[in-house]
Amino acid sequence: MTLWPPLGVRVSSGDTELVYADDRLLLQVAALAADGVHDEDTMPFPVSWTRGSPQQVARSVLTFQWGNRAAMSPEHWRLELAVLHAGTPVGMQGAVARDFTVARQAETGSWLGRAHQGQGIGRAMRLLVLHLLFDGLGAQSATTSAFDDNPASNAVTRALGYRPDGHELVAREGRPARVLRYRLDRADWLDRPPALRPPVEMAGIEALRTFLGLPHGPD
């Protein structure tokens, strides 16, 4: 953990937990993705990494995550955390930022295995990563996006108090698709209602701040 501080990161509330995935856990997450993330006739991601055989999908998870590790720096980082529910790996929750020490803004993205969807885990894991960004790393804003035909993701975002932040057309599997963008500023995060303030425990934050070039202590 001293050489790679992200390994010590842990954010938890109730039976939901975010932890940095070592290779042992990453293999479990890759197998989870291979079992399916969405219906065959939909595509919730800009990059179609969920297409292909189960083995190809699992390998896509591994190569993506290994590449993130190699490229991580204070100037441009992507922190990918495994989502555990009652101790079982159920998906991944990520946050990516460029020049965070100056801009203090990060973008979140996630996925859940199909067997674990529709149980409120998506909302719980997003709250946890927002706690990490705002309360742990001192973010001033957090952004996210989803295709307009992904009602579950859009519903979670709106329920957590994000404000609409425009839209754009992008290519998705050879066809145009509309992406809805959202933004949550620090003032709105601090003003969130009691229902969005569950007790949260965080570990490994100070070492992560040092790793990302951030000062110690409260922002």
Foldseek 3Di string as FASTA:
>chain_A
DLVDLQQWKWKDFDQKIWGQDDPVRLLLQLLLLLQDFDDPPDDWDQDRLSDDHSVSSSVSSVVVVVVQVVPAALQKHKGKTFMGGNRHTFWIKIWIDGNCQPQLEIEIDMTGRPVPPPPCNVLVVVLRVVCCSCVQQNGFKYKYKTFPPPVVVVVSCVVQPWDWDDWDWDAHPRDTTIMTMTMDGNVCNVVDDPVSDGDMDITSRQSVCVRSVHDDDGD
